[in-house]
PDB file of N, CA and C in Angstrom:
ATOM      1  N   MET A   1      15.622  -1.717  11.806  1.00  0.00           N
ATOM      2  CA  MET A   1      15.076  -2.234  12.789  1.00  0.00           C
ATOM      3  C   MET A   1      14.405  -2.703  12.385  1.00  0.00           C
ATOM      4  N   LYS A   2      14.100  -4.055  13.101  1.00  0.00           N
ATOM      5  CA  LYS A   2      13.151  -4.769  12.661  1.00  0.00           C
ATOM      6  C   LYS A   2      12.595  -5.574  13.899  1.00  0.00           C
ATOM      7  N   ILE A   3      11.737  -5.478  14.010  1.00  0.00           N
ATOM      8  CA  ILE A   3      10.296  -5.473  14.384  1.00  0.00           C
ATOM      9  C   ILE A   3       9.295  -7.164  14.578  1.00  0.00           C
ATOM     10  N   GLU A   4      10.295  -7.963  16.352  1.00  0.00           N
ATOM     11  CA  GLU A   4       9.594  -9.080  16.136  1.00  0.00           C
ATOM     12  C   GLU A   4       8.576  -9.178  17.050  1.00  0.00           C
ATOM     13  N   TYR A   5       7.553  -9.643  16.906  1.00  0.00           N
ATOM     14  CA  TYR A   5       6.269 -10.131  17.551  1.00  0.00           C
ATOM     15  C   TYR A   5       6.843 -11.027  18.789  1.00  0.00           C
ATOM     16  N   THR A   6       6.389 -11.046  19.913  1.00  0.00           N
ATOM     17  CA  THR A   6       6.847 -11.897  20.654  1.00  0.00           C
ATOM     18  C   THR A   6       6.138 -11.770  21.623  1.00  0.00           C
ATOM     19  N   ASP A   7       4.825 -10.962  22.426  1.00  0.00           N
ATOM     20  CA  ASP A   7       4.423 -11.670  23.220  1.00  0.00           C
ATOM     21  C   ASP A   7       2.121 -10.841  22.279  1.00  0.00           C
ATOM     22  N   TYR A   8       2.873 -10.367  20.656  1.00  0.00           N
ATOM     23  CA  TYR A   8       1.522  -9.961  20.665  1.00  0.00           C
ATOM     24  C   TYR A   8       0.875 -10.836  18.844  1.00  0.00           C
ATOM     25  N   THR A   9       0.213 -11.632  19.733  1.00  0.00           N
ATOM     26  CA  THR A   9      -0.952 -12.048  18.548  1.00  0.00           C
ATOM     27  C   THR A   9      -1.300 -11.704  17.276  1.00  0.00           C
ATOM     28  N   PRO A  10      -1.539 -10.778  16.561  1.00  0.00           N
ATOM     29  CA  PRO A  10      -2.154 -10.281  15.385  1.00  0.00           C
ATOM     30  C   PRO A  10      -3.882 -10.594  15.426  1.00  0.00           C
ATOM     31  N   ASP A  11      -4.936  -9.404  15.330  1.00  0.00           N
ATOM     32  CA  ASP A  11      -6.193 -10.456  14.794  1.00  0.00           C
ATOM     33  C   ASP A  11      -5.932 -10.136  13.119  1.00  0.00           C
ATOM     34  N   SER A  12      -7.093 -11.204  12.674  1.00  0.00           N
ATOM     35  CA  SER A  12      -6.895 -12.181  11.546  1.00  0.00           C
ATOM     36  C   SER A  12      -6.842 -10.818  10.409  1.00  0.00           C
ATOM     37  N   ILE A  13      -7.726  -8.801  10.839  1.00  0.00           N
ATOM     38  CA  ILE A  13      -6.889  -8.033   9.824  1.00  0.00           C
ATOM     39  C   ILE A  13      -5.784  -7.342   9.824  1.00  0.00           C
ATOM     40  N   VAL A  14      -4.895  -7.574  10.681  1.00  0.00           N
ATOM     41  CA  VAL A  14      -3.860  -6.941  10.557  1.00  0.00           C
ATOM     42  C   VAL A  14      -2.859  -7.564  10.653  1.00  0.00           C
ATOM     43  N   GLN A  15      -3.094  -8.995  10.520  1.00  0.00           N
ATOM     44  CA  GLN A  15      -2.524  -9.880  10.139  1.00  0.00           C
ATOM     45  C   GLN A  15      -2.212  -9.224   8.263  1.00  0.00           C
ATOM     46  N   THR A  16      -3.332  -9.597   8.001  1.00  0.00           N
ATOM     47  CA  THR A  16      -3.851  -9.610   6.452  1.00  0.00           C
ATOM     48  C   THR A  16      -2.860  -8.693   5.581  1.00  0.00           C
ATOM     49  N   VAL A  17      -2.945  -6.931   6.914  1.00  0.00           N
ATOM     50  CA  VAL A  17      -2.762  -6.179   6.598  1.00  0.00           C
ATOM     51  C   VAL A  17      -1.422  -6.096   6.153  1.00  0.00           C
ATOM     52  N   ILE A  18      -0.189  -7.152   7.067  1.00  0.00           N
ATOM     53  CA  ILE A  18       1.482  -7.143   7.065  1.00  0.00           C
ATOM     54  C   ILE A  18       1.439  -8.485   5.798  1.00  0.00           C
ATOM     55  N   GLU A  19       0.520  -8.783   6.203  1.00  0.00           N
ATOM     56  CA  GLU A  19       0.951 -10.098   4.754  1.00  0.00           C
ATOM     57  C   GLU A  19       1.009  -9.279   3.012  1.00  0.00           C
ATOM     58  N   ASN A  20      -0.365  -8.552   3.131  1.00  0.00           N
ATOM     59  CA  ASN A  20      -0.053  -7.616   2.200  1.00  0.00           C
ATOM     60  C   ASN A  20       1.592  -7.087   1.503  1.00  0.00           C
ATOM     61  N   PHE A  21       1.443  -5.413   3.290  1.00  0.00           N
ATOM     62  CA  PHE A  21       2.034  -5.575   2.885  1.00  0.00           C
ATOM     63  C   PHE A  21       3.916  -6.027   2.686  1.00  0.00           C
ATOM     64  N   VAL A  22       3.817  -6.941   2.839  1.00  0.00           N
ATOM     65  CA  VAL A  22       5.208  -8.598   2.416  1.00  0.00           C
ATOM     66  C   VAL A  22       5.044  -8.695   1.574  1.00  0.00           C
ATOM     67  N   LYS A  23       3.468  -9.069   0.628  1.00  0.00           N
ATOM     68  CA  LYS A  23       3.269  -8.769  -0.623  1.00  0.00           C
ATOM     69  C   LYS A  23       3.439  -7.868  -1.573  1.00  0.00           C
ATOM     70  N   ARG A  24       3.868  -6.238  -1.218  1.00  0.00           N
ATOM     71  CA  ARG A  24       3.216  -5.542  -2.070  1.00  0.00           C
ATOM     72  C   ARG A  24       4.972  -4.991  -1.623  1.00  0.00           C
ATOM     73  N   ALA A  25       5.720  -5.390  -0.413  1.00  0.00           N
ATOM     74  CA  ALA A  25       7.392  -5.629  -1.315  1.00  0.00           C
ATOM     75  C   ALA A  25       8.295  -5.886  -1.483  1.00  0.00           C
ATOM     76  N   GLU A  26       7.475  -6.871  -1.753  1.00  0.00           N
ATOM     77  CA  GLU A  26       8.099  -8.327  -2.185  1.00  0.00           C
ATOM     78  C   GLU A  26       8.546  -7.934  -4.162  1.00  0.00           C
ATOM     79  N   MET A  27       6.767  -7.612  -4.377  1.00  0.00           N
ATOM     80  CA  MET A  27       6.244  -7.558  -5.365  1.00  0.00           C
ATOM     81  C   MET A  27       7.650  -6.102  -6.302  1.00  0.00           C
ATOM     82  N   GLY A  28       7.709  -4.954  -5.065  1.00  0.00           N
ATOM     83  CA  GLY A  28       8.683  -4.268  -5.654  1.00  0.00           C
ATOM     84  C   GLY A  28      10.133  -4.169  -5.714  1.00  0.00           C
ATOM     85  N   GLU A  29      10.209  -5.024  -4.415  1.00  0.00           N
ATOM     86  CA  GLU A  29      11.890  -5.305  -5.512  1.00  0.00           C
ATOM     87  C   GLU A  29      11.843  -6.348  -6.350  1.00  0.00           C
ATOM     88  N   LYS A  30      10.681  -7.293  -7.286  1.00  0.00           N
ATOM     89  CA  LYS A  30      11.176  -7.855  -7.915  1.00  0.00           C
ATOM     90  C   LYS A  30      10.957  -6.933  -9.363  1.00  0.00           C
ATOM     91  N   LYS A  31       9.419  -6.457  -9.272  1.00  0.00           N
ATOM     92  CA  LYS A  31       9.445  -4.965 -10.590  1.00  0.00           C
ATOM     93  C   LYS A  31      10.612  -4.236 -10.611  1.00  0.00           C
ATOM     94  N   TYR A  32      10.877  -3.489  -9.535  1.00  0.00           N
ATOM     95  CA  TYR A  32      12.055  -2.766  -9.727  1.00  0.00           C
ATOM     96  C   TYR A  32      14.271  -2.650  -9.357  1.00  0.00           C
ATOM     97  N   GLY A  33      13.831  -4.421  -8.514  1.00  0.00           N
ATOM     98  CA  GLY A  33      15.619  -4.443  -8.469  1.00  0.00           C
ATOM     99  C   GLY A  33      15.930  -3.430  -6.976  1.00  0.00           C
ATOM    100  N   VAL A  34      14.663  -3.151  -6.085  1.00  0.00           N
ATOM    101  CA  VAL A  34      15.307  -1.883  -5.046  1.00  0.00           C
ATOM    102  C   VAL A  34      14.729  -2.699  -4.371  1.00  0.00           C
ATOM    103  N   THR A  35      14.663  -1.659  -3.107  1.00  0.00           N
ATOM    104  CA  THR A  35      13.681  -1.732  -1.658  1.00  0.00           C
ATOM    105  C   THR A  35      13.607  -0.267  -1.488  1.00  0.00           C
ATOM    106  N   LEU A  36      12.957  -0.223  -0.040  1.00  0.00           N
ATOM    107  CA  LEU A  36      12.933   1.244  -0.512  1.00  0.00           C
ATOM    108  C   LEU A  36      14.255   1.902   1.213  1.00  0.00           C
ATOM    109  N   ASP A  37      15.366   0.115   1.339  1.00  0.00           N
ATOM    110  CA  ASP A  37      16.332   1.210   1.857  1.00  0.00           C
ATOM    111  C   ASP A  37      16.868   1.704   0.946  1.00  0.00           C
ATOM    112  N   ARG A  38      16.046   2.393  -0.381  1.00  0.00           N
ATOM    113  CA  ARG A  38      17.623   3.210  -1.891  1.00  0.00           C
ATOM    114  C   ARG A  38      17.834   3.798  -1.432  1.00  0.00           C
ATOM    115  N   GLU A  39      18.907   4.508  -1.762  1.00  0.00           N
ATOM    116  CA  GLU A  39      18.738   6.399  -1.173  1.00  0.00           C
ATOM    117  C   GLU A  39      19.476   6.603  -2.128  1.00  0.00           C
ATOM    118  N   ASP A  40      18.523   6.824  -3.217  1.00  0.00           N
ATOM    119  CA  ASP A  40      19.676   7.131  -4.948  1.00  0.00           C
ATOM    120  C   ASP A  40      18.259   8.854  -4.891  1.00  0.00           C
ATOM    121  N   LEU A  41      17.050   8.458  -3.887  1.00  0.00           N
ATOM    122  CA  LEU A  41      15.626   9.360  -4.713  1.00  0.00           C
ATOM    123  C   LEU A  41      16.005  10.089  -3.026  1.00  0.00           C
ATOM    124  N   THR A  42      15.599  11.539  -3.417  1.00  0.00           N
ATOM    125  CA  THR A  42      15.068  12.776  -2.537  1.00  0.00           C
ATOM    126  C   THR A  42      14.654  12.289  -1.899  1.00  0.00           C
ATOM    127  N   ILE A  43      14.159  13.509  -0.595  1.00  0.00           N
ATOM    128  CA  ILE A  43      12.935  13.445   0.449  1.00  0.00           C
ATOM    129  C   ILE A  43      11.935  13.638  -1.518  1.00  0.00           C
ATOM    130  N   GLU A  44      12.163  15.297  -2.336  1.00  0.00           N
ATOM    131  CA  GLU A  44      11.190  15.093  -2.596  1.00  0.00           C
ATOM    132  C   GLU A  44      10.676  13.945  -3.732  1.00  0.00           C
ATOM    133  N   ASP A  45      11.554  13.378  -3.897  1.00  0.00           N
ATOM    134  CA  ASP A  45      11.125  12.331  -5.116  1.00  0.00           C
ATOM    135  C   ASP A  45       9.978  11.070  -4.902  1.00  0.00           C
ATOM    136  N   PHE A  46      10.381  10.860  -3.044  1.00  0.00           N
ATOM    137  CA  PHE A  46       9.653  10.133  -2.628  1.00  0.00           C
ATOM    138  C   PHE A  46       7.705  10.511  -1.707  1.00  0.00           C
ATOM    139  N   ILE A  47       8.415  12.261  -2.034  1.00  0.00           N
ATOM    140  CA  ILE A  47       6.659  12.602  -1.509  1.00  0.00           C
ATOM    141  C   ILE A  47       6.125  12.776  -2.932  1.00  0.00           C
ATOM    142  N   GLU A  48       6.739  12.698  -4.244  1.00  0.00           N
ATOM    143  CA  GLU A  48       6.490  12.458  -5.704  1.00  0.00           C
ATOM    144  C   GLU A  48       5.384  11.567  -5.576  1.00  0.00           C
ATOM    145  N   HIS A  49       6.221  10.035  -5.322  1.00  0.00           N
ATOM    146  CA  HIS A  49       5.465   8.679  -5.441  1.00  0.00           C
ATOM    147  C   HIS A  49       4.589   8.904  -4.649  1.00  0.00           C
ATOM    148  N   ALA A  50       3.977   8.971  -2.786  1.00  0.00           N
ATOM    149  CA  ALA A  50       2.863   9.562  -2.170  1.00  0.00           C
ATOM    150  C   ALA A  50       2.453   9.835  -2.524  1.00  0.00           C
ATOM    151  N   LEU A  51       2.172  11.535  -3.267  1.00  0.00           N
ATOM    152  CA  LEU A  51       0.679  11.591  -3.950  1.00  0.00           C
ATOM    153  C   LEU A  51       0.593  11.099  -5.096  1.00  0.00           C
ATOM    154  N   GLN A  52       1.350  10.901  -6.065  1.00  0.00           N
ATOM    155  CA  GLN A  52       1.439   9.907  -7.313  1.00  0.00           C
ATOM    156  C   GLN A  52       0.130   8.647  -7.196  1.00  0.00           C
ATOM    157  N   GLU A  53       0.507   8.506  -5.975  1.00  0.00           N
ATOM    158  CA  GLU A  53      -0.143   7.026  -5.439  1.00  0.00           C
ATOM    159  C   GLU A  53      -1.369   7.211  -4.939  1.00  0.00           C
ATOM    160  N   HIS A  54      -1.456   8.591  -3.865  1.00  0.00           N
ATOM    161  CA  HIS A  54      -3.360   8.951  -3.417  1.00  0.00           C
ATOM    162  C   HIS A  54      -3.917   9.040  -4.385  1.00  0.00           C
ATOM    163  N   MET A  55      -3.032   9.817  -5.086  1.00  0.00           N
ATOM    164  CA  MET A  55      -3.974  10.603  -6.206  1.00  0.00           C
ATOM    165  C   MET A  55      -4.949   9.468  -7.334  1.00  0.00           C
ATOM    166  N   ASP A  56      -3.998   7.571  -6.835  1.00  0.00           N
ATOM    167  CA  ASP A  56      -4.721   6.748  -8.158  1.00  0.00           C
ATOM    168  C   ASP A  56      -5.329   6.066  -6.751  1.00  0.00           C
ATOM    169  N   ALA A  57      -5.435   6.265  -5.642  1.00  0.00           N
ATOM    170  CA  ALA A  57      -6.384   5.652  -4.410  1.00  0.00           C
ATOM    171  C   ALA A  57      -7.397   6.446  -4.568  1.00  0.00           C
ATOM    172  N   ILE A  58      -7.268   7.653  -5.464  1.00  0.00           N
ATOM    173  CA  ILE A  58      -9.044   8.573  -4.874  1.00  0.00           C
ATOM    174  C   ILE A  58      -9.297   8.314  -5.810  1.00  0.00           C
ATOM    175  N   LEU A  59      -8.660   7.757  -7.767  1.00  0.00           N
ATOM    176  CA  LEU A  59     -10.348   7.591  -8.658  1.00  0.00           C
ATOM    177  C   LEU A  59     -10.218   6.701  -8.427  1.00  0.00           C
ATOM    178  N   TYR A  60      -9.634   5.349  -7.360  1.00  0.00           N
ATOM    179  CA  TYR A  60     -10.335   4.701  -7.086  1.00  0.00           C
ATOM    180  C   TYR A  60     -11.533   3.991  -6.253  1.00  0.00           C
ATOM    181  N   LEU A  61     -11.029   5.385  -5.212  1.00  0.00           N
ATOM    182  CA  LEU A  61     -12.208   4.617  -4.026  1.00  0.00           C
ATOM    183  C   LEU A  61     -13.377   5.304  -4.971  1.00  0.00           C
ATOM    184  N   GLN A  62     -13.688   6.894  -6.303  1.00  0.00           N
ATOM    185  CA  GLN A  62     -14.624   7.173  -6.349  1.00  0.00           C
ATOM    186  C   GLN A  62     -15.340   6.392  -7.037  1.00  0.00           C
ATOM    187  N   LYS A  63     -14.283   6.138  -8.241  1.00  0.00           N
ATOM    188  CA  LYS A  63     -14.873   4.215  -9.089  1.00  0.00           C
ATOM    189  C   LYS A  63     -15.598   3.968  -8.167  1.00  0.00           C
ATOM    190  N   VAL A  64     -15.200   2.906  -7.040  1.00  0.00           N
ATOM    191  CA  VAL A  64     -15.953   1.979  -5.857  1.00  0.00           C
ATOM    192  C   VAL A  64     -17.550   2.556  -6.134  1.00  0.00           C
ATOM    193  N   LYS A  65     -17.214   4.176  -5.254  1.00  0.00           N
ATOM    194  CA  LYS A  65     -17.981   4.908  -4.909  1.00  0.00           C
ATOM    195  C   LYS A  65     -19.419   4.786  -5.790  1.00  0.00           C
ATOM    196  N   THR A  66     -19.156   5.302  -7.252  1.00  0.00           N
ATOM    197  CA  THR A  66     -19.949   5.343  -7.912  1.00  0.00           C
ATOM    198  C   THR A  66     -20.917   3.632  -7.730  1.00  0.00           C
ATOM    199  N   MET A  67     -19.511   2.768  -8.866  1.00  0.00           N
ATOM    200  CA  MET A  67     -20.216   1.476  -8.736  1.00  0.00           C
ATOM    201  C   MET A  67     -21.252   1.330  -7.249  1.00  0.00           C
ATOM    202  N   LEU A  68     -21.233   1.443  -6.125  1.00  0.00           N
ATOM    203  CA  LEU A  68     -22.323   0.828  -5.307  1.00  0.00           C
ATOM    204  C   LEU A  68     -23.439   1.894  -5.135  1.00  0.00           C
ATOM    205  N   GLU A  69     -23.180   3.433  -5.258  1.00  0.00           N
ATOM    206  CA  GLU A  69     -24.929   4.440  -5.577  1.00  0.00           C
ATOM    207  C   GLU A  69     -25.575   3.826  -7.173  1.00  0.00           C
ATOM    208  N   LYS A  70     -24.716   3.211  -8.312  1.00  0.00           N
ATOM    209  CA  LYS A  70     -25.456   2.866  -9.990  1.00  0.00           C
ATOM    210  C   LYS A  70     -26.054   1.068  -8.746  1.00  0.00           C
ATOM    211  N   GLN A  71     -25.028   0.458  -7.887  1.00  0.00           N
ATOM    212  CA  GLN A  71     -25.746  -0.676  -7.749  1.00  0.00           C
ATOM    213  C   GLN A  71     -26.893  -0.173  -6.302  1.00  0.00           C
ATOM    214  N   LYS A  72     -26.582   0.856  -5.683  1.00  0.00           N
ATOM    215  CA  LYS A  72     -28.750   1.148  -4.962  1.00  0.00           C
ATOM    216  C   LYS A  72     -28.906   1.285  -5.655  1.00  0.00           C
ATOM    217  N   ASN A  73     -29.519   1.496  -6.433  1.00  0.00           N
ATOM    218  CA  ASN A  73     -29.508   3.027  -7.030  1.00  0.00           C
ATOM    219  C   ASN A  73     -30.711   2.047  -8.016  1.00  0.00           C
ATOM    220  N   GLY A  74     -30.314   0.683  -9.249  1.00  0.00           N
ATOM    221  CA  GLY A  74     -30.463   0.576  -9.456  1.00  0.00           C
ATOM    222  C   GLY A  74     -30.596   0.989 -11.218  1.00  0.00           C
TER     223      GLY A  74
END
């Protein structure tokens, strides 16, 4: 299903997120040669991919938090 925005103009933040999703999808297709329309993975496989990505995100957030705390405390 393709979503078309006819009566809606996204704000700059929403537009940036949309553009980032498109760039990420393009990068993924170029790197892995598949899109999320693929049917070779199970539900469990997709869950595992999501878990791994979220664990990475938590690590990155903790790093940034640590950096900000160091900056704040001199």
